[in-house]
């Protein structure tokens, strides 16, 4: 049994629930996870996505209980929740969950009155659009299509806040979650609600991520074995939690892949391809690179590869450029004005006697995917460069930071050093909030200093520069063709 004081980070992520325990020195003590899946209600196909609240609750509890089984639960002195952005839940007056939906729930495209939500005005105020992916638009859909349920809504929360509410019974959000509920004036940091969707009191209060949301309730303590009253921090969104463990330019390569550049103030993108995001201590611009980790997992299963190491080993057997193979499975620089997800995707391979003596094989397919991750990063970085100066290094965190070959490829494709790790940056960012609320650290800087770990450093290989430039231009041309289909 582990001795000493511990903090618990709970992550309500895109693919499931994760619970991670860290000690006061920032060492990871225990971790567990449970998968969950959104469903498409037949009457809402193809736009609607929903979670079964009971499935979310069970997954969170099971992951937490498994992580706690390795320790004395009484040693936990602080908790913080994080989770996927844009995902949200609607609660009734008793705190019961009326609806929970993931980032990809775009039901508002069908049957919600959004004509008064002006894209230009919303972007100027909130740093993001289109409006139909956010909580106000979902609430309007319920108002038009499920008025009885809409009339019962008393609280709107992000998924991190939903997880924290289950622990404390309290509701609040920090700026990073508020921005992705579309209830924040990003420049001023003040609440700025969308009129005509729900009463003002339905939207949560704003607080700092390290503020005390409440204590673990008696019911949650009985369910999980924690001590009643253990302080729970307000917490933050998963991407910004990970950024706190990154650098000036950070790729958070999780299920999806936000590419974030810290800026010295609220600097929006004149072309509006990027989002302006609050961070835990400032601002960043975001170029979203689509479903990177999700596509990697799919390809791992398809190629029967049991680990990141096995995937890398296979891909290293192929030459730079993957003998003309080009992957278009998810990673791409997404113009955030459109968020089009309906375009074709796949692998483009030279094939037949007129192209090659033998078509590309498994190694080329694996390598072409990792190269596509780097090419998408290069394209997104070019958009960021047009707005803010380019840092001289990239920090790679998130699940795909477990791929050493991705670090090598990124460095040579971008022509800058890549600092890789930690892969559990989201949990460490949440744990930093928990350390502060528990009194184990004086502030976020102190907490992050405890939780940081020395990254692996990958340097560009200048001998590969021309080959990668040619492969990137070929990939970019094919991306444009897919966008036009």
Protein backbone atom coordinates (compact mmCIF):
# COMPACT_ATOMS: atom_id res chain seq x y z
CA UNK A 1 0.00 0.00 0.00
CA UNK A 2 1.29 3.45 -0.96
CA UNK A 3 2.09 5.83 1.90
CA UNK A 4 1.77 9.62 1.82
CA UNK A 5 -0.74 12.16 0.57
CA UNK A 6 -2.20 11.67 -2.91
CA UNK A 7 -4.29 13.63 -5.40
CA UNK A 8 -6.85 12.15 -7.77
CA UNK A 9 -7.32 13.37 -11.36
CA UNK A 10 -10.53 12.25 -13.08
CA UNK A 11 -10.74 12.65 -16.86
CA UNK A 12 -14.10 12.39 -18.65
CA UNK A 13 -12.54 12.04 -22.08
CA UNK A 14 -13.75 11.44 -25.59
CA UNK A 15 -13.19 7.70 -25.45
CA UNK A 16 -13.87 7.00 -21.81
CA UNK A 17 -13.19 7.63 -18.14
CA UNK A 18 -9.71 7.72 -16.63
CA UNK A 19 -8.71 8.01 -12.99
CA UNK A 20 -5.08 8.70 -12.07
CA UNK A 21 -3.41 9.13 -8.69
CA UNK A 22 -0.22 11.15 -8.11
CA UNK A 23 1.84 11.62 -4.98
CA UNK A 24 3.07 14.98 -3.66
CA UNK A 25 6.26 14.68 -5.70
CA UNK A 26 4.37 14.24 -8.97
CA UNK A 27 4.98 10.51 -9.37
CA UNK A 28 2.12 8.56 -10.89
CA UNK A 29 0.95 5.96 -8.41
CA UNK A 30 -2.04 4.32 -10.06
CA UNK A 31 -4.20 4.62 -13.17
CA UNK A 32 -7.34 2.95 -14.50
CA UNK A 33 -9.72 3.56 -17.36
CA UNK A 34 -13.05 2.42 -18.76
CA UNK A 35 -14.29 2.97 -22.30
CA UNK A 36 -17.61 4.55 -23.19
CA UNK A 37 -19.34 5.23 -26.47
CA UNK A 38 -21.81 7.75 -27.79
CA UNK A 39 -24.80 6.45 -29.71
CA UNK A 40 -26.72 7.93 -32.64
CA UNK A 41 -30.45 7.94 -31.87
CA UNK A 42 -32.15 6.69 -35.07
CA UNK A 43 -34.48 9.68 -35.17
CA UNK A 44 -31.47 12.05 -35.04
CA UNK A 45 -29.24 10.34 -37.62
CA UNK A 46 -26.81 11.47 -38.89
CA UNK A 47 -26.47 14.57 -36.70
CA UNK A 48 -27.27 13.56 -33.14
CA UNK A 49 -24.94 11.93 -30.63
CA UNK A 50 -25.79 11.05 -27.03
CA UNK A 51 -24.27 9.34 -24.05
CA UNK A 52 -26.25 7.15 -21.70
CA UNK A 53 -25.72 8.99 -18.38
CA UNK A 54 -25.72 5.72 -16.43
CA UNK A 55 -22.94 4.36 -18.64
CA UNK A 56 -20.84 7.48 -18.01
CA UNK A 57 -21.47 7.31 -14.27
CA UNK A 58 -20.61 3.61 -14.05
CA UNK A 59 -17.44 4.04 -16.10
CA UNK A 60 -16.23 6.94 -13.95
CA UNK A 61 -16.91 5.04 -10.73
CA UNK A 62 -15.33 1.79 -11.95
CA UNK A 63 -12.17 3.54 -13.15
CA UNK A 64 -11.91 5.48 -9.89
CA UNK A 65 -12.45 2.42 -7.72
CA UNK A 66 -9.82 0.45 -9.65
CA UNK A 67 -7.27 3.24 -9.30
CA UNK A 68 -8.04 3.57 -5.58
CA UNK A 69 -7.68 -0.18 -5.03
CA UNK A 70 -3.89 0.22 -5.15
CA UNK A 71 -3.82 2.74 -2.28
CA UNK A 72 -5.46 3.64 0.98
CA UNK A 73 -8.36 5.85 -0.22
CA UNK A 74 -8.00 7.89 2.97
CA UNK A 75 -4.66 9.14 1.62
CA UNK A 76 -6.42 11.13 -1.11
CA UNK A 77 -6.40 14.79 -0.04
CA UNK A 78 -7.54 16.55 -3.23
CA UNK A 79 -9.48 15.85 -6.43
CA UNK A 80 -9.85 17.62 -9.77
CA UNK A 81 -11.87 16.71 -12.84
CA UNK A 82 -11.12 17.43 -16.47
CA UNK A 83 -12.66 16.21 -19.70
CA UNK A 84 -13.53 16.77 -23.30
CA UNK A 85 -14.44 20.25 -24.42
CA UNK A 86 -17.74 21.18 -26.09
CA UNK A 87 -19.32 18.05 -24.61
CA UNK A 88 -21.99 19.06 -22.13
CA UNK A 89 -24.79 17.85 -19.89
CA UNK A 90 -28.14 19.27 -18.84
CA UNK A 91 -29.38 18.75 -15.27
CA UNK A 92 -32.76 19.14 -13.63
CA UNK A 93 -33.48 20.83 -10.29
CA UNK A 94 -32.62 17.66 -8.36
CA UNK A 95 -29.29 17.28 -10.17
CA UNK A 96 -30.45 14.37 -12.34
CA UNK A 97 -28.96 14.23 -15.83
CA UNK A 98 -31.50 14.97 -18.55
CA UNK A 99 -28.99 14.80 -21.40
CA UNK A 100 -25.28 14.25 -21.96
CA UNK A 101 -23.70 14.61 -25.36
CA UNK A 102 -20.18 14.51 -26.83
CA UNK A 103 -18.28 17.05 -28.89
CA UNK A 104 -19.76 15.58 -32.05
CA UNK A 105 -23.43 16.13 -31.24
CA UNK A 106 -24.57 18.53 -33.98
CA UNK A 107 -28.32 17.96 -33.63
CA UNK A 108 -28.81 21.72 -33.81
CA UNK A 109 -28.23 21.49 -37.57
CA UNK A 110 -31.68 19.92 -37.77
CA UNK A 111 -34.60 21.67 -36.15
CA UNK A 112 -32.99 24.45 -34.09
CA UNK A 113 -33.62 28.14 -34.72
CA UNK A 114 -30.15 29.68 -34.97
CA UNK A 115 -30.73 32.52 -37.44
CA UNK A 116 -30.09 35.19 -34.81
CA UNK A 117 -26.72 33.68 -33.81
CA UNK A 118 -24.43 35.71 -36.02
CA UNK A 119 -21.16 33.90 -36.78
CA UNK A 120 -19.11 37.09 -37.07
CA UNK A 121 -20.40 38.57 -33.82
CA UNK A 122 -19.94 35.28 -31.98
CA UNK A 123 -16.37 34.88 -33.19
CA UNK A 124 -15.51 38.43 -32.19
CA UNK A 125 -16.83 37.81 -28.68
CA UNK A 126 -16.14 34.15 -28.00
CA UNK A 127 -13.25 33.34 -30.34
CA UNK A 128 -15.11 30.38 -31.81
CA UNK A 129 -17.88 29.29 -34.17
CA UNK A 130 -19.92 27.82 -35.83
CA UNK A 131 -22.56 28.03 -33.10
CA UNK A 132 -24.34 24.77 -33.84
CA UNK A 133 -21.85 22.53 -32.01
CA UNK A 134 -22.18 24.32 -28.67
CA UNK A 135 -24.49 24.08 -25.66
CA UNK A 136 -26.74 27.08 -26.54
CA UNK A 137 -27.62 25.54 -29.90
CA UNK A 138 -28.31 22.16 -28.30
CA UNK A 139 -30.59 23.85 -25.75
CA UNK A 140 -32.48 25.50 -28.60
CA UNK A 141 -32.92 22.12 -30.26
CA UNK A 142 -34.52 20.78 -27.08
CA UNK A 143 -36.71 23.88 -26.85
CA UNK A 144 -38.04 23.24 -30.37
CA UNK A 145 -38.18 19.45 -30.35
CA UNK A 146 -38.47 18.33 -26.70
CA UNK A 147 -40.15 21.24 -24.88
CA UNK A 148 -41.06 19.16 -21.81
CA UNK A 149 -37.41 18.24 -21.25
CA UNK A 150 -36.30 21.79 -22.03
CA UNK A 151 -38.63 23.12 -19.34
CA UNK A 152 -36.92 20.93 -16.74
CA UNK A 153 -33.38 22.21 -17.44
CA UNK A 154 -31.91 23.98 -14.42
CA UNK A 155 -28.16 23.62 -15.00
CA UNK A 156 -25.86 23.48 -18.03
CA UNK A 157 -22.44 21.97 -17.34
CA UNK A 158 -19.47 20.85 -19.34
CA UNK A 159 -18.44 17.22 -19.01
CA UNK A 160 -15.66 18.04 -16.50
CA UNK A 161 -18.24 19.92 -14.42
CA UNK A 162 -20.65 17.00 -14.71
CA UNK A 163 -18.03 14.64 -13.27
CA UNK A 164 -17.26 17.12 -10.47
CA UNK A 165 -20.98 17.61 -9.75
CA UNK A 166 -21.29 13.87 -9.13
CA UNK A 167 -18.63 14.22 -6.43
CA UNK A 168 -19.84 17.39 -4.74
CA UNK A 169 -23.37 18.31 -5.84
CA UNK A 170 -22.00 21.76 -6.80
CA UNK A 171 -21.80 23.46 -10.20
CA UNK A 172 -19.12 25.88 -11.46
CA UNK A 173 -16.75 26.22 -14.42
CA UNK A 174 -13.41 27.81 -15.13
CA UNK A 175 -12.76 29.95 -18.21
CA UNK A 176 -11.47 27.04 -20.32
CA UNK A 177 -14.74 25.11 -19.94
CA UNK A 178 -16.88 28.26 -20.12
CA UNK A 179 -15.37 29.12 -23.51
CA UNK A 180 -16.50 25.78 -24.88
CA UNK A 181 -19.97 26.22 -23.47
CA UNK A 182 -19.94 29.46 -25.54
CA UNK A 183 -20.73 31.48 -22.42
CA UNK A 184 -17.51 33.50 -22.16
CA UNK A 185 -16.28 36.78 -23.58
CA UNK A 186 -12.76 35.52 -24.20
CA UNK A 187 -11.03 38.90 -24.19
CA UNK A 188 -12.55 40.17 -20.94
CA UNK A 189 -12.95 36.83 -19.18
CA UNK A 190 -16.54 37.71 -18.20
CA UNK A 191 -19.70 35.68 -18.64
CA UNK A 192 -21.43 36.51 -21.93
CA UNK A 193 -24.57 34.47 -22.39
CA UNK A 194 -26.42 33.72 -25.61
CA UNK A 195 -29.86 35.27 -25.30
CA UNK A 196 -33.07 33.35 -25.74
CA UNK A 197 -31.86 29.85 -25.05
CA UNK A 198 -32.06 29.31 -21.29
CA UNK A 199 -32.42 31.52 -18.19
CA UNK A 200 -29.19 33.13 -17.05
CA UNK A 201 -29.26 31.21 -13.78
CA UNK A 202 -29.01 27.90 -15.68
CA UNK A 203 -25.44 28.72 -16.67
CA UNK A 204 -22.75 27.94 -14.10
CA UNK A 205 -20.79 30.51 -12.16
CA UNK A 206 -17.24 31.30 -13.21
CA UNK A 207 -14.33 30.45 -10.91
CA UNK A 208 -10.62 29.75 -11.10
CA UNK A 209 -9.62 26.15 -11.89
CA UNK A 210 -7.84 25.85 -8.54
CA UNK A 211 -10.77 27.22 -6.52
CA UNK A 212 -12.58 24.85 -4.19
CA UNK A 213 -15.78 23.70 -5.87
CA UNK A 214 -16.85 21.81 -2.76
CA UNK A 215 -16.02 18.73 -0.76
CA UNK A 216 -16.65 15.09 -1.59
CA UNK A 217 -20.26 14.48 -0.58
CA UNK A 218 -21.33 11.74 1.81
CA UNK A 219 -22.98 9.88 -1.08
CA UNK A 220 -19.87 10.04 -3.27
CA UNK A 221 -17.67 9.07 -0.32
CA UNK A 222 -19.80 6.00 0.33
CA UNK A 223 -19.74 5.09 -3.36
CA UNK A 224 -15.99 5.44 -3.84
CA UNK A 225 -14.43 4.97 -0.39
CA UNK A 226 -13.05 8.52 -0.26
CA UNK A 227 -13.22 10.60 2.90
CA UNK A 228 -16.21 12.96 3.04
CA UNK A 229 -15.24 16.58 2.62
CA UNK A 230 -12.03 16.02 0.63
CA UNK A 231 -11.66 19.25 -1.40
CA UNK A 232 -12.57 19.10 -5.08
CA UNK A 233 -11.19 21.79 -7.41
CA UNK A 234 -13.28 23.51 -10.06
CA UNK A 235 -10.96 21.93 -12.64
CA UNK A 236 -10.53 22.69 -16.33
CA UNK A 237 -10.86 21.42 -19.90
CA UNK A 238 -8.62 18.54 -20.97
CA UNK A 239 -6.75 20.36 -23.74
CA UNK A 240 -5.76 23.27 -21.51
CA UNK A 241 -4.84 20.90 -18.70
CA UNK A 242 -2.39 19.22 -21.08
CA UNK A 243 -1.07 22.55 -22.37
CA UNK A 244 0.01 23.46 -18.82
CA UNK A 245 2.56 20.63 -19.12
CA UNK A 246 3.61 21.71 -22.63
CA UNK A 247 5.35 24.71 -24.14
CA UNK A 248 4.77 27.75 -26.33
CA UNK A 249 3.77 25.49 -29.24
CA UNK A 250 2.08 22.28 -28.08
CA UNK A 251 0.43 19.44 -29.98
CA UNK A 252 -2.00 17.65 -27.67
CA UNK A 253 -2.18 14.39 -29.60
CA UNK A 254 -5.08 12.63 -27.93
CA UNK A 255 -8.23 11.23 -29.53
CA UNK A 256 -8.37 14.52 -31.40
CA UNK A 257 -5.34 16.75 -31.82
CA UNK A 258 -5.48 20.45 -30.93
CA UNK A 259 -2.33 22.33 -31.95
CA UNK A 260 -1.96 25.23 -29.52
CA UNK A 261 0.21 28.32 -29.65
CA UNK A 262 0.48 30.55 -26.61
CA UNK A 263 -0.04 34.25 -27.39
CA UNK A 264 0.53 37.32 -25.23
CA UNK A 265 -3.07 38.51 -25.31
CA UNK A 266 -6.48 37.94 -26.90
CA UNK A 267 -5.24 37.85 -30.49
CA UNK A 268 -7.94 36.47 -32.85
CA UNK A 269 -7.25 35.04 -36.30
CA UNK A 270 -8.24 37.49 -39.08
CA UNK A 271 -8.90 34.52 -41.39
CA UNK A 272 -10.99 32.88 -38.65
CA UNK A 273 -9.63 29.41 -39.34
CA UNK A 274 -8.37 29.23 -35.74
CA UNK A 275 -10.01 29.44 -32.33
CA UNK A 276 -8.90 31.83 -29.62
CA UNK A 277 -8.82 29.91 -26.34
CA UNK A 278 -8.32 30.92 -22.72
CA UNK A 279 -5.69 28.83 -20.96
CA UNK A 280 -5.11 28.28 -17.26
CA UNK A 281 -2.89 31.36 -17.23
CA UNK A 282 -3.38 33.31 -20.47
CA UNK A 283 -4.40 32.77 -24.08
CA UNK A 284 -3.62 30.51 -26.99
CA UNK A 285 -4.60 30.11 -30.63
CA UNK A 286 -5.80 26.69 -31.71
CA UNK A 287 -5.49 24.89 -35.02
CA UNK A 288 -7.38 21.64 -34.64
CA UNK A 289 -5.88 18.68 -36.48
CA UNK A 290 -8.83 16.30 -36.27
CA UNK A 291 -9.06 12.72 -35.06
CA UNK A 292 -5.46 11.63 -34.61
CA UNK A 293 -5.52 9.19 -31.69
CA UNK A 294 -8.84 7.71 -32.77
CA UNK A 295 -7.46 6.96 -36.23
CA UNK A 296 -4.24 5.56 -34.76
CA UNK A 297 -6.21 3.12 -32.58
CA UNK A 298 -8.29 2.02 -35.56
CA UNK A 299 -5.18 1.38 -37.65
CA UNK A 300 -3.48 -0.43 -34.75
CA UNK A 301 -6.39 -2.86 -34.61
CA UNK A 302 -6.55 -3.22 -38.40
CA UNK A 303 -2.85 -4.07 -38.58
CA UNK A 304 -2.99 -6.26 -35.44
CA UNK A 305 -0.39 -4.20 -33.59
CA UNK A 306 -0.61 -4.49 -29.80
CA UNK A 307 1.26 -1.33 -28.75
CA UNK A 308 2.81 1.97 -29.78
CA UNK A 309 6.19 0.25 -29.81
CA UNK A 310 4.93 -2.42 -32.22
CA UNK A 311 3.38 0.23 -34.48
CA UNK A 312 6.65 2.21 -34.52
CA UNK A 313 8.72 -0.90 -35.21
CA UNK A 314 6.59 -1.78 -38.23
CA UNK A 315 6.61 1.79 -39.58
CA UNK A 316 10.41 2.04 -39.26
CA UNK A 317 10.61 -0.70 -41.88
CA UNK A 318 9.37 1.74 -44.53
CA UNK A 319 11.34 4.55 -46.14
CA UNK A 320 10.54 8.26 -45.84
CA UNK A 321 7.54 8.99 -48.04
CA UNK A 322 6.22 5.46 -47.57
CA UNK A 323 6.89 4.64 -51.25
CA UNK A 324 4.11 6.99 -52.33
CA UNK A 325 1.49 5.81 -49.83
CA UNK A 326 -0.54 8.69 -48.43
CA UNK A 327 -2.84 8.46 -45.37
CA UNK A 328 -5.96 10.62 -45.07
CA UNK A 329 -7.67 8.97 -42.13
CA UNK A 330 -8.37 11.85 -39.79
CA UNK A 331 -5.36 14.10 -39.17
CA UNK A 332 -5.66 17.30 -41.17
CA UNK A 333 -5.65 21.04 -40.61
CA UNK A 334 -9.35 21.74 -40.08
CA UNK A 335 -10.72 25.12 -41.04
CA UNK A 336 -12.69 25.76 -37.85
CA UNK A 337 -15.19 27.95 -39.71
CA UNK A 338 -16.65 24.81 -41.26
CA UNK A 339 -15.75 21.74 -39.17
CA UNK A 340 -16.75 19.54 -42.10
CA UNK A 341 -16.57 15.89 -41.09
CA UNK A 342 -18.39 14.32 -44.03
CA UNK A 343 -15.59 14.23 -46.59
CA UNK A 344 -14.09 10.95 -47.89
CA UNK A 345 -11.14 9.48 -46.02
CA UNK A 346 -8.78 6.62 -46.64
CA UNK A 347 -5.39 5.43 -47.83
CA UNK A 348 -4.12 6.38 -51.28
CA UNK A 349 -1.61 3.84 -52.57
CA UNK A 350 0.27 3.55 -55.85
CA UNK A 351 -0.79 0.20 -57.16
CA UNK A 352 -0.33 -1.99 -60.23
CA UNK A 353 2.38 -2.87 -62.70
CA UNK A 354 2.63 0.64 -64.12
CA UNK A 355 3.38 2.23 -60.76
CA UNK A 356 5.64 -0.06 -58.74
CA UNK A 357 7.10 -3.53 -58.96
CA UNK A 358 5.22 -4.25 -55.72
CA UNK A 359 2.51 -2.17 -53.99
CA UNK A 360 3.12 -0.66 -50.54
CA UNK A 361 2.67 -3.05 -47.65
CA UNK A 362 1.85 -2.93 -43.94
CA UNK A 363 5.00 -0.98 -43.06
CA UNK A 364 4.24 1.74 -45.60
CA UNK A 365 0.65 2.02 -44.41
CA UNK A 366 1.80 2.48 -40.79
CA UNK A 367 4.49 4.99 -41.74
CA UNK A 368 2.16 6.95 -44.02
CA UNK A 369 -0.18 7.47 -41.08
CA UNK A 370 2.52 8.86 -38.80
CA UNK A 371 3.70 11.07 -41.64
CA UNK A 372 0.12 12.33 -42.09
CA UNK A 373 0.12 13.38 -38.43
CA UNK A 374 3.28 15.41 -39.05
CA UNK A 375 2.00 16.85 -42.32
CA UNK A 376 -1.25 17.98 -40.68
CA UNK A 377 0.84 19.60 -37.94
CA UNK A 378 2.92 21.44 -40.54
CA UNK A 379 -0.23 22.71 -42.28
CA UNK A 380 -1.80 23.85 -39.00
CA UNK A 381 1.45 25.44 -37.91
CA UNK A 382 1.49 27.51 -41.12
CA UNK A 383 -1.94 28.93 -40.19
CA UNK A 384 -0.67 29.77 -36.72
CA UNK A 385 2.47 31.35 -38.17
CA UNK A 386 0.29 33.79 -40.11
CA UNK A 387 -1.08 35.19 -36.83
CA UNK A 388 1.65 34.74 -34.22
CA UNK A 389 5.43 34.22 -34.39
CA UNK A 390 6.55 30.62 -34.75
CA UNK A 391 8.37 29.18 -31.71
CA UNK A 392 11.59 27.32 -32.42
CA UNK A 393 10.37 24.01 -30.97
CA UNK A 394 7.22 21.90 -30.70
CA UNK A 395 6.07 20.12 -27.55
CA UNK A 396 4.24 16.81 -28.14
CA UNK A 397 2.01 15.56 -25.33
CA UNK A 398 -1.00 13.26 -25.08
CA UNK A 399 -1.45 9.60 -25.89
CA UNK A 400 0.46 9.67 -29.18
CA UNK A 401 3.47 11.07 -27.36
CA UNK A 402 4.13 7.39 -26.66
CA UNK A 403 5.26 7.08 -30.30
CA UNK A 404 8.99 7.79 -30.51
CA UNK A 405 8.86 7.57 -34.30
CA UNK A 406 6.22 10.29 -34.42
CA UNK A 407 8.66 12.52 -32.53
CA UNK A 408 11.36 11.79 -35.14
CA UNK A 409 9.04 12.41 -38.09
CA UNK A 410 7.61 15.62 -36.64
CA UNK A 411 11.08 17.06 -36.03
CA UNK A 412 12.22 16.45 -39.60
CA UNK A 413 8.95 17.49 -41.26
CA UNK A 414 8.77 20.73 -39.26
CA UNK A 415 12.49 21.45 -39.14
CA UNK A 416 12.43 22.19 -35.40
CA UNK A 417 13.25 20.19 -32.26
CA UNK A 418 10.35 18.23 -30.78
CA UNK A 419 10.09 17.76 -27.02
CA UNK A 420 8.03 14.59 -26.45
CA UNK A 421 6.08 13.85 -23.27
CA UNK A 422 4.42 13.38 -20.93
CA UNK A 423 1.72 11.26 -22.53
CA UNK A 424 -0.46 11.71 -19.42
CA UNK A 425 -0.27 15.51 -19.59
CA UNK A 426 -4.05 15.97 -19.28
CA UNK A 427 -4.17 14.03 -16.02
CA UNK A 428 -1.09 15.88 -14.73
CA UNK A 429 -2.69 19.24 -15.53
CA UNK A 430 -5.79 18.26 -13.57
CA UNK A 431 -3.62 16.90 -10.76
CA UNK A 432 -1.95 20.31 -10.54
CA UNK A 433 -5.34 21.86 -9.76
CA UNK A 434 -5.94 19.15 -7.16
CA UNK A 435 -2.56 19.81 -5.52
CA UNK A 436 -3.37 23.49 -5.12
CA UNK A 437 -6.86 22.95 -3.70
CA UNK A 438 -5.43 20.34 -1.30
CA UNK A 439 -2.69 22.68 -0.09
CA UNK A 440 0.12 20.44 -1.36
CA UNK A 441 1.32 23.23 -3.68
CA UNK A 442 1.24 26.99 -3.22
CA UNK A 443 0.01 27.72 -6.75
CA UNK A 444 -0.17 26.21 -10.24
CA UNK A 445 3.47 26.97 -11.01
CA UNK A 446 4.55 25.10 -7.89
CA UNK A 447 2.25 22.17 -8.69
CA UNK A 448 3.36 21.92 -12.33
CA UNK A 449 7.01 22.00 -11.24
CA UNK A 450 6.30 18.88 -9.17
CA UNK A 451 4.43 17.16 -11.99
CA UNK A 452 6.73 17.98 -14.92
CA UNK A 453 9.01 15.26 -16.24
CA UNK A 454 12.01 15.65 -18.55
CA UNK A 455 10.82 15.14 -22.14
CA UNK A 456 12.57 13.14 -24.83
CA UNK A 457 14.09 15.48 -27.44
CA UNK A 458 13.98 14.73 -31.18
CA UNK A 459 16.14 16.79 -33.57
CA UNK A 460 15.52 17.33 -37.30
CA UNK A 461 17.45 15.17 -39.78
CA UNK A 462 18.52 17.60 -42.52
CA UNK A 463 19.31 14.74 -44.90
CA UNK A 464 15.61 13.86 -45.00
CA UNK A 465 14.40 17.43 -45.64
CA UNK A 466 13.91 17.21 -49.42
CA UNK A 467 12.17 13.84 -49.25
CA UNK A 468 9.76 15.08 -46.60
CA UNK A 469 9.11 18.31 -48.51
CA UNK A 470 8.11 16.31 -51.60
CA UNK A 471 5.92 13.94 -49.59
CA UNK A 472 4.26 16.88 -47.78
CA UNK A 473 3.40 18.66 -51.03
CA UNK A 474 1.92 15.43 -52.43
CA UNK A 475 -0.12 14.91 -49.24
CA UNK A 476 -1.32 18.52 -49.24
CA UNK A 477 -2.46 18.29 -52.86
CA UNK A 478 -4.45 15.16 -52.12
CA UNK A 479 -5.97 16.80 -49.03
CA UNK A 480 -7.23 19.66 -51.19
CA UNK A 481 -8.74 17.19 -53.63
CA UNK A 482 -10.57 15.42 -50.81
CA UNK A 483 -11.90 18.73 -49.46
CA UNK A 484 -13.35 19.51 -52.89
CA UNK A 485 -15.14 16.16 -53.26
